[in-house]
């Protein structure tokens, strides 16, 4: 079955460009287009897409609010945030709202298609380097009103190993690098991370990284990271 994609952007020419690239693939198809946030929320419910490409700046309801509504539903689609600016403040808020990653609007076609497939498979499109840079930028205090450790309380029942794994994920290390820290295999790490995400009720590593910063378990420039 083809991956069903909903394209959301307030500029028709941008929507058409993304749609043309997506529809040219045999394994995916654009099932709808929206030029405003409220319309995106409605179509996401009616069309049941697998992935939503979500612009941040939209009329009537911005992309952050629309993302929060869409991802808060049962059997929610994955959301990829579209932004014209690297490290845009809105991107961080969109990730908090439930987005699975972000793309720049000038992303090459091959990267866009890869990102859609990756997100549809349940992963995040943020590379470890992008995760470190994005989260570190805001957790360092440049985002107004943010204080590391000022977020939610640590979930009950989290073991010391799980806390450490969460910290390593937040540092931007991949499975092989985490395995090196733990003295185990990449396959074991993948299983451990998947189990941790299920335990915490998190969608992906992006949300795990944000939680780690909120809990104060991670800080910018952790040992072993290279921003």
C-alpha atoms as a PDB file:
ATOM      1  CA  UNK A   1       0.000   0.000   0.000  1.00  0.00           C
ATOM      2  CA  UNK A   2       1.169   3.538  -0.766  1.00  0.00           C
ATOM      3  CA  UNK A   3       2.129   5.896   2.019  1.00  0.00           C
ATOM      4  CA  UNK A   4      -0.584   8.526   2.302  1.00  0.00           C
ATOM      5  CA  UNK A   5       0.738  12.074   2.644  1.00  0.00           C
ATOM      6  CA  UNK A   6      -1.067  15.312   3.478  1.00  0.00           C
ATOM      7  CA  UNK A   7       0.828  18.433   2.364  1.00  0.00           C
ATOM      8  CA  UNK A   8       0.220  21.609   4.392  1.00  0.00           C
ATOM      9  CA  UNK A   9       1.615  24.994   3.324  1.00  0.00           C
ATOM     10  CA  UNK A  10       0.070  28.427   2.844  1.00  0.00           C
ATOM     11  CA  UNK A  11       1.747  28.847  -0.549  1.00  0.00           C
ATOM     12  CA  UNK A  12       0.158  26.941  -3.395  1.00  0.00           C
ATOM     13  CA  UNK A  13       3.346  26.764  -5.427  1.00  0.00           C
ATOM     14  CA  UNK A  14       5.179  25.124  -2.507  1.00  0.00           C
ATOM     15  CA  UNK A  15       2.395  22.588  -2.017  1.00  0.00           C
ATOM     16  CA  UNK A  16       2.435  21.787  -5.726  1.00  0.00           C
ATOM     17  CA  UNK A  17       6.195  21.286  -5.704  1.00  0.00           C
ATOM     18  CA  UNK A  18       6.127  18.854  -2.796  1.00  0.00           C
ATOM     19  CA  UNK A  19       3.106  17.055  -4.246  1.00  0.00           C
ATOM     20  CA  UNK A  20       4.812  16.559  -7.618  1.00  0.00           C
ATOM     21  CA  UNK A  21       7.868  14.998  -5.981  1.00  0.00           C
ATOM     22  CA  UNK A  22       5.787  12.706  -3.757  1.00  0.00           C
ATOM     23  CA  UNK A  23       3.307  11.586  -6.431  1.00  0.00           C
ATOM     24  CA  UNK A  24       6.174  10.575  -8.718  1.00  0.00           C
ATOM     25  CA  UNK A  25       7.027   7.756  -6.294  1.00  0.00           C
ATOM     26  CA  UNK A  26       5.389   4.346  -6.606  1.00  0.00           C
ATOM     27  CA  UNK A  27       5.145   3.778  -2.858  1.00  0.00           C
ATOM     28  CA  UNK A  28       3.539   7.065  -1.793  1.00  0.00           C
ATOM     29  CA  UNK A  29       0.783   9.440  -2.812  1.00  0.00           C
ATOM     30  CA  UNK A  30      -0.543  12.851  -1.813  1.00  0.00           C
ATOM     31  CA  UNK A  31      -4.090  12.361  -0.523  1.00  0.00           C
ATOM     32  CA  UNK A  32      -4.781  16.010   0.203  1.00  0.00           C
ATOM     33  CA  UNK A  33      -3.439  19.560   0.429  1.00  0.00           C
ATOM     34  CA  UNK A  34      -4.207  22.294   2.952  1.00  0.00           C
ATOM     35  CA  UNK A  35      -3.345  25.973   2.955  1.00  0.00           C
ATOM     36  CA  UNK A  36      -4.345  26.757   6.560  1.00  0.00           C
ATOM     37  CA  UNK A  37      -4.074  25.162   9.985  1.00  0.00           C
ATOM     38  CA  UNK A  38      -7.751  24.489  10.628  1.00  0.00           C
ATOM     39  CA  UNK A  39      -8.087  22.921   7.201  1.00  0.00           C
ATOM     40  CA  UNK A  40      -5.085  20.707   7.935  1.00  0.00           C
ATOM     41  CA  UNK A  41      -6.659  19.499  11.178  1.00  0.00           C
ATOM     42  CA  UNK A  42      -9.912  18.701   9.394  1.00  0.00           C
ATOM     43  CA  UNK A  43      -8.278  16.890   6.473  1.00  0.00           C
ATOM     44  CA  UNK A  44      -5.975  14.919   8.764  1.00  0.00           C
ATOM     45  CA  UNK A  45      -9.087  13.524  10.430  1.00  0.00           C
ATOM     46  CA  UNK A  46     -11.015  12.902   7.232  1.00  0.00           C
ATOM     47  CA  UNK A  47      -8.253  11.505   5.023  1.00  0.00           C
ATOM     48  CA  UNK A  48      -6.252   9.473   7.594  1.00  0.00           C
ATOM     49  CA  UNK A  49      -2.806  10.189   6.099  1.00  0.00           C
ATOM     50  CA  UNK A  50       0.284   8.332   7.306  1.00  0.00           C
ATOM     51  CA  UNK A  51       2.424  11.476   7.256  1.00  0.00           C
ATOM     52  CA  UNK A  52       1.613  15.182   7.383  1.00  0.00           C
ATOM     53  CA  UNK A  53       4.099  17.709   6.000  1.00  0.00           C
ATOM     54  CA  UNK A  54       3.275  20.697   8.193  1.00  0.00           C
ATOM     55  CA  UNK A  55       4.288  24.287   7.531  1.00  0.00           C
ATOM     56  CA  UNK A  56       4.874  26.296  10.723  1.00  0.00           C
ATOM     57  CA  UNK A  57       3.458  29.660   9.695  1.00  0.00           C
ATOM     58  CA  UNK A  58      -0.154  29.218   8.642  1.00  0.00           C
ATOM     59  CA  UNK A  59      -3.239  31.439   8.678  1.00  0.00           C
ATOM     60  CA  UNK A  60      -6.022  30.968  11.283  1.00  0.00           C
ATOM     61  CA  UNK A  61      -4.203  28.212  13.206  1.00  0.00           C
ATOM     62  CA  UNK A  62      -0.426  27.942  13.197  1.00  0.00           C
ATOM     63  CA  UNK A  63       1.408  24.721  12.465  1.00  0.00           C
ATOM     64  CA  UNK A  64       2.325  24.157  16.106  1.00  0.00           C
ATOM     65  CA  UNK A  65      -1.263  24.246  17.302  1.00  0.00           C
ATOM     66  CA  UNK A  66      -2.387  22.134  14.361  1.00  0.00           C
ATOM     67  CA  UNK A  67       0.341  19.585  15.081  1.00  0.00           C
ATOM     68  CA  UNK A  68      -0.683  19.366  18.736  1.00  0.00           C
ATOM     69  CA  UNK A  69      -4.301  18.655  17.777  1.00  0.00           C
ATOM     70  CA  UNK A  70      -3.438  16.137  15.075  1.00  0.00           C
ATOM     71  CA  UNK A  71      -0.894  14.151  17.109  1.00  0.00           C
ATOM     72  CA  UNK A  72      -3.182  14.155  20.139  1.00  0.00           C
ATOM     73  CA  UNK A  73      -5.736  11.996  18.367  1.00  0.00           C
ATOM     74  CA  UNK A  74      -5.942   8.214  18.445  1.00  0.00           C
ATOM     75  CA  UNK A  75      -4.008   6.538  15.611  1.00  0.00           C
ATOM     76  CA  UNK A  76      -2.454   9.905  14.779  1.00  0.00           C
ATOM     77  CA  UNK A  77      -0.335  10.348  11.646  1.00  0.00           C
ATOM     78  CA  UNK A  78       3.307  11.317  11.888  1.00  0.00           C
ATOM     79  CA  UNK A  79       4.057  15.001  11.407  1.00  0.00           C
ATOM     80  CA  UNK A  80       7.104  16.493   9.713  1.00  0.00           C
ATOM     81  CA  UNK A  81       7.451  20.211  10.324  1.00  0.00           C
ATOM     82  CA  UNK A  82       8.448  22.408   7.392  1.00  0.00           C
ATOM     83  CA  UNK A  83      10.421  25.560   8.091  1.00  0.00           C
ATOM     84  CA  UNK A  84      12.332  28.093   6.051  1.00  0.00           C
ATOM     85  CA  UNK A  85      14.797  28.752   8.863  1.00  0.00           C
ATOM     86  CA  UNK A  86      17.278  26.390  10.484  1.00  0.00           C
ATOM     87  CA  UNK A  87      16.859  26.343  14.271  1.00  0.00           C
ATOM     88  CA  UNK A  88      13.636  28.325  14.052  1.00  0.00           C
ATOM     89  CA  UNK A  89      12.162  28.700  17.543  1.00  0.00           C
ATOM     90  CA  UNK A  90       8.849  27.395  16.251  1.00  0.00           C
ATOM     91  CA  UNK A  91      10.472  24.090  15.354  1.00  0.00           C
ATOM     92  CA  UNK A  92      11.309  23.280  18.961  1.00  0.00           C
ATOM     93  CA  UNK A  93       7.758  24.002  20.053  1.00  0.00           C
ATOM     94  CA  UNK A  94       6.444  21.841  17.221  1.00  0.00           C
ATOM     95  CA  UNK A  95       8.577  18.926  18.424  1.00  0.00           C
ATOM     96  CA  UNK A  96       7.092  19.384  21.871  1.00  0.00           C
ATOM     97  CA  UNK A  97       3.665  19.348  20.261  1.00  0.00           C
ATOM     98  CA  UNK A  98       4.315  15.866  18.880  1.00  0.00           C
ATOM     99  CA  UNK A  99       6.086  16.329  15.557  1.00  0.00           C
ATOM    100  CA  UNK A 100       8.539  13.597  14.627  1.00  0.00           C
ATOM    101  CA  UNK A 101      11.120  15.947  13.144  1.00  0.00           C
ATOM    102  CA  UNK A 102      11.640  18.873  10.827  1.00  0.00           C
ATOM    103  CA  UNK A 103      12.720  19.637   7.294  1.00  0.00           C
ATOM    104  CA  UNK A 104      13.924  22.817   5.689  1.00  0.00           C
ATOM    105  CA  UNK A 105      11.745  23.889   2.780  1.00  0.00           C
ATOM    106  CA  UNK A 106      14.686  23.775   0.386  1.00  0.00           C
ATOM    107  CA  UNK A 107      15.327  20.111   1.225  1.00  0.00           C
ATOM    108  CA  UNK A 108      16.517  18.040  -1.775  1.00  0.00           C
ATOM    109  CA  UNK A 109      13.837  15.780  -3.219  1.00  0.00           C
ATOM    110  CA  UNK A 110      15.692  12.586  -2.287  1.00  0.00           C
ATOM    111  CA  UNK A 111      16.003  13.695   1.325  1.00  0.00           C
ATOM    112  CA  UNK A 112      12.328  14.641   1.491  1.00  0.00           C
ATOM    113  CA  UNK A 113      11.293  11.218   0.230  1.00  0.00           C
ATOM    114  CA  UNK A 114      13.658   9.441   2.603  1.00  0.00           C
ATOM    115  CA  UNK A 115      12.328  11.471   5.524  1.00  0.00           C
ATOM    116  CA  UNK A 116       8.721  10.569   4.712  1.00  0.00           C
ATOM    117  CA  UNK A 117       9.572   6.877   4.610  1.00  0.00           C
ATOM    118  CA  UNK A 118      11.606   7.030   7.824  1.00  0.00           C
ATOM    119  CA  UNK A 119       8.910   8.868   9.742  1.00  0.00           C
ATOM    120  CA  UNK A 120       6.175   6.581   8.415  1.00  0.00           C
ATOM    121  CA  UNK A 121       8.204   3.661   9.777  1.00  0.00           C
ATOM    122  CA  UNK A 122       8.062   5.178  13.258  1.00  0.00           C
ATOM    123  CA  UNK A 123      11.445   6.863  13.440  1.00  0.00           C
ATOM    124  CA  UNK A 124      12.549  10.483  13.623  1.00  0.00           C
ATOM    125  CA  UNK A 125      14.200  12.412  10.800  1.00  0.00           C
ATOM    126  CA  UNK A 126      16.486  14.340  13.127  1.00  0.00           C
ATOM    127  CA  UNK A 127      20.074  13.185  12.796  1.00  0.00           C
ATOM    128  CA  UNK A 128      22.086  12.930  16.033  1.00  0.00           C
ATOM    129  CA  UNK A 129      23.963  16.115  15.128  1.00  0.00           C
ATOM    130  CA  UNK A 130      20.742  18.003  14.438  1.00  0.00           C
ATOM    131  CA  UNK A 131      19.236  16.776  17.702  1.00  0.00           C
ATOM    132  CA  UNK A 132      22.238  17.950  19.720  1.00  0.00           C
ATOM    133  CA  UNK A 133      22.308  21.306  17.984  1.00  0.00           C
ATOM    134  CA  UNK A 134      18.584  21.971  18.181  1.00  0.00           C
ATOM    135  CA  UNK A 135      17.975  20.832  21.743  1.00  0.00           C
ATOM    136  CA  UNK A 136      21.265  22.239  22.994  1.00  0.00           C
ATOM    137  CA  UNK A 137      20.453  25.624  21.503  1.00  0.00           C
ATOM    138  CA  UNK A 138      17.278  25.968  23.560  1.00  0.00           C
ATOM    139  CA  UNK A 139      18.262  24.030  26.665  1.00  0.00           C
ATOM    140  CA  UNK A 140      21.256  26.330  27.079  1.00  0.00           C
ATOM    141  CA  UNK A 141      18.846  29.082  28.030  1.00  0.00           C
ATOM    142  CA  UNK A 142      18.455  31.004  24.788  1.00  0.00           C
ATOM    143  CA  UNK A 143      14.770  30.184  24.649  1.00  0.00           C
ATOM    144  CA  UNK A 144      13.000  32.786  26.842  1.00  0.00           C
ATOM    145  CA  UNK A 145      11.547  31.411  30.050  1.00  0.00           C
ATOM    146  CA  UNK A 146      13.152  27.985  29.744  1.00  0.00           C
ATOM    147  CA  UNK A 147      15.055  26.505  32.675  1.00  0.00           C
ATOM    148  CA  UNK A 148      16.554  23.003  32.405  1.00  0.00           C
ATOM    149  CA  UNK A 149      14.943  20.732  34.971  1.00  0.00           C
ATOM    150  CA  UNK A 150      11.854  22.951  35.315  1.00  0.00           C
ATOM    151  CA  UNK A 151       9.628  20.518  33.415  1.00  0.00           C
ATOM    152  CA  UNK A 152       7.802  17.392  34.550  1.00  0.00           C
ATOM    153  CA  UNK A 153       8.850  15.076  37.368  1.00  0.00           C
ATOM    154  CA  UNK A 154      10.816  11.967  36.544  1.00  0.00           C
ATOM    155  CA  UNK A 155       8.493   9.019  35.826  1.00  0.00           C
ATOM    156  CA  UNK A 156       8.245   6.516  38.678  1.00  0.00           C
ATOM    157  CA  UNK A 157      10.002   3.199  38.226  1.00  0.00           C
ATOM    158  CA  UNK A 158      12.775   4.426  35.939  1.00  0.00           C
ATOM    159  CA  UNK A 159      15.864   2.315  36.651  1.00  0.00           C
ATOM    160  CA  UNK A 160      19.397   3.729  36.809  1.00  0.00           C
ATOM    161  CA  UNK A 161      20.222   1.992  33.518  1.00  0.00           C
ATOM    162  CA  UNK A 162      17.120   3.417  31.840  1.00  0.00           C
ATOM    163  CA  UNK A 163      18.030   6.891  33.102  1.00  0.00           C
ATOM    164  CA  UNK A 164      21.510   6.477  31.642  1.00  0.00           C
ATOM    165  CA  UNK A 165      20.169   5.217  28.304  1.00  0.00           C
ATOM    166  CA  UNK A 166      17.799   8.193  28.190  1.00  0.00           C
ATOM    167  CA  UNK A 167      20.721  10.530  28.825  1.00  0.00           C
ATOM    168  CA  UNK A 168      22.779   8.914  26.066  1.00  0.00           C
ATOM    169  CA  UNK A 169      19.880   9.198  23.607  1.00  0.00           C
ATOM    170  CA  UNK A 170      19.544  12.884  24.495  1.00  0.00           C
ATOM    171  CA  UNK A 171      23.242  13.423  23.884  1.00  0.00           C
ATOM    172  CA  UNK A 172      22.659  12.584  20.219  1.00  0.00           C
ATOM    173  CA  UNK A 173      24.568   9.297  20.130  1.00  0.00           C
ATOM    174  CA  UNK A 174      23.448   6.644  17.666  1.00  0.00           C
ATOM    175  CA  UNK A 175      22.885   2.986  18.569  1.00  0.00           C
ATOM    176  CA  UNK A 176      26.470   1.944  17.896  1.00  0.00           C
ATOM    177  CA  UNK A 177      27.870   4.797  19.982  1.00  0.00           C
ATOM    178  CA  UNK A 178      25.502   4.055  22.850  1.00  0.00           C
ATOM    179  CA  UNK A 179      26.490   0.393  22.632  1.00  0.00           C
ATOM    180  CA  UNK A 180      30.108   1.442  23.041  1.00  0.00           C
ATOM    181  CA  UNK A 181      29.230   3.366  26.196  1.00  0.00           C
ATOM    182  CA  UNK A 182      27.268   0.438  27.638  1.00  0.00           C
ATOM    183  CA  UNK A 183      29.541  -2.361  26.492  1.00  0.00           C
ATOM    184  CA  UNK A 184      26.797  -4.105  24.544  1.00  0.00           C
ATOM    185  CA  UNK A 185      25.579  -4.428  20.941  1.00  0.00           C
ATOM    186  CA  UNK A 186      23.682  -1.994  18.732  1.00  0.00           C
ATOM    187  CA  UNK A 187      20.830  -4.504  18.458  1.00  0.00           C
ATOM    188  CA  UNK A 188      20.501  -4.655  22.230  1.00  0.00           C
ATOM    189  CA  UNK A 189      20.508  -0.870  22.388  1.00  0.00           C
ATOM    190  CA  UNK A 190      17.688  -0.672  19.829  1.00  0.00           C
ATOM    191  CA  UNK A 191      15.644  -3.091  21.928  1.00  0.00           C
ATOM    192  CA  UNK A 192      16.426  -1.168  25.115  1.00  0.00           C
ATOM    193  CA  UNK A 193      15.475   2.173  23.564  1.00  0.00           C
ATOM    194  CA  UNK A 194      12.245   0.783  22.097  1.00  0.00           C
ATOM    195  CA  UNK A 195      11.308  -0.642  25.511  1.00  0.00           C
ATOM    196  CA  UNK A 196      12.131   2.689  27.171  1.00  0.00           C
ATOM    197  CA  UNK A 197       9.975   4.623  24.715  1.00  0.00           C
ATOM    198  CA  UNK A 198       7.052   2.286  25.364  1.00  0.00           C
ATOM    199  CA  UNK A 199       7.510   2.583  29.116  1.00  0.00           C
ATOM    200  CA  UNK A 200       7.532   6.379  28.953  1.00  0.00           C
ATOM    201  CA  UNK A 201       4.719   6.552  26.416  1.00  0.00           C
ATOM    202  CA  UNK A 202       6.901   8.449  23.940  1.00  0.00           C
ATOM    203  CA  UNK A 203       6.641   8.371  20.170  1.00  0.00           C
ATOM    204  CA  UNK A 204      10.334   8.546  19.231  1.00  0.00           C
ATOM    205  CA  UNK A 205      13.834   9.656  20.218  1.00  0.00           C
ATOM    206  CA  UNK A 206      13.035  13.299  19.632  1.00  0.00           C
ATOM    207  CA  UNK A 207      10.438  13.226  22.399  1.00  0.00           C
ATOM    208  CA  UNK A 208      12.839  11.230  24.586  1.00  0.00           C
ATOM    209  CA  UNK A 209      15.507  13.889  24.104  1.00  0.00           C
ATOM    210  CA  UNK A 210      13.116  16.688  25.019  1.00  0.00           C
ATOM    211  CA  UNK A 211      11.999  14.784  28.127  1.00  0.00           C
ATOM    212  CA  UNK A 212      15.610  14.239  29.206  1.00  0.00           C
ATOM    213  CA  UNK A 213      16.262  17.981  29.028  1.00  0.00           C
ATOM    214  CA  UNK A 214      13.033  18.753  30.851  1.00  0.00           C
ATOM    215  CA  UNK A 215      14.018  16.356  33.636  1.00  0.00           C
ATOM    216  CA  UNK A 216      17.499  17.839  33.897  1.00  0.00           C
ATOM    217  CA  UNK A 217      19.092  14.515  32.944  1.00  0.00           C
ATOM    218  CA  UNK A 218      20.841  16.068  29.967  1.00  0.00           C
ATOM    219  CA  UNK A 219      22.686  19.300  29.345  1.00  0.00           C
ATOM    220  CA  UNK A 220      24.181  20.897  26.242  1.00  0.00           C
ATOM    221  CA  UNK A 221      27.700  19.741  25.408  1.00  0.00           C
ATOM    222  CA  UNK A 222      27.503  16.445  27.275  1.00  0.00           C
ATOM    223  CA  UNK A 223      30.758  14.484  27.358  1.00  0.00           C
ATOM    224  CA  UNK A 224      31.103  12.559  24.135  1.00  0.00           C
ATOM    225  CA  UNK A 225      28.995  14.961  22.074  1.00  0.00           C
ATOM    226  CA  UNK A 226      30.343  17.162  19.329  1.00  0.00           C
ATOM    227  CA  UNK A 227      28.080  20.049  18.414  1.00  0.00           C
END
